């Protein structure tokens, strides 16, 4: 039973990420920029 579980977990992870585009976004968001612009000082 344990050996089948070891192979099931990675397989389910592969199915979740199959044909998925993962975007890594760096930088400030527009909401952060707006809140900084509103704050005095």
Protein backbone atom coordinates (compact mmCIF):
# COMPACT_ATOMS: atom_id res chain seq x y z
CA UNK A 1 0.00 0.00 0.00
CA UNK A 2 2.79 2.43 0.86
CA UNK A 3 4.63 2.01 -2.44
CA UNK A 4 1.50 2.78 -4.46
CA UNK A 5 0.97 5.97 -2.44
CA UNK A 6 4.50 7.13 -3.21
CA UNK A 7 3.78 7.06 -6.95
CA UNK A 8 0.26 8.49 -6.66
CA UNK A 9 1.24 11.82 -5.11
CA UNK A 10 3.71 12.94 -7.82
CA UNK A 11 1.35 11.73 -10.55
CA UNK A 12 -1.48 13.87 -9.18
CA UNK A 13 0.87 16.86 -9.09
CA UNK A 14 1.72 16.29 -12.74
CA UNK A 15 -1.95 16.18 -13.66
CA UNK A 16 -2.62 19.47 -11.88
CA UNK A 17 0.19 21.28 -13.71
CA UNK A 18 -0.36 19.63 -17.10
CA UNK A 19 -0.91 22.25 -19.81
CA UNK A 20 -0.76 25.11 -17.32
CA UNK A 21 1.21 28.29 -17.83
CA UNK A 22 2.81 29.53 -14.62
CA UNK A 23 3.65 33.22 -14.73
CA UNK A 24 6.23 34.63 -12.38
CA UNK A 25 5.51 38.29 -11.87
CA UNK A 26 8.01 40.56 -10.17
CA UNK A 27 7.58 44.18 -9.24
CA UNK A 28 5.00 46.33 -7.53
CA UNK A 29 1.34 45.89 -8.32
CA UNK A 30 -0.84 48.77 -9.41
CA UNK A 31 -2.67 48.82 -6.07
CA UNK A 32 0.59 49.24 -4.18
CA UNK A 33 1.61 52.09 -6.47
CA UNK A 34 -1.78 53.78 -5.99
CA UNK A 35 -1.62 53.50 -2.21
CA UNK A 36 1.91 54.90 -2.15
CA UNK A 37 0.80 57.84 -4.31
CA UNK A 38 -2.06 58.64 -1.90
CA UNK A 39 0.08 58.59 1.24
CA UNK A 40 1.51 61.98 2.18
CA UNK A 41 5.25 62.15 2.71
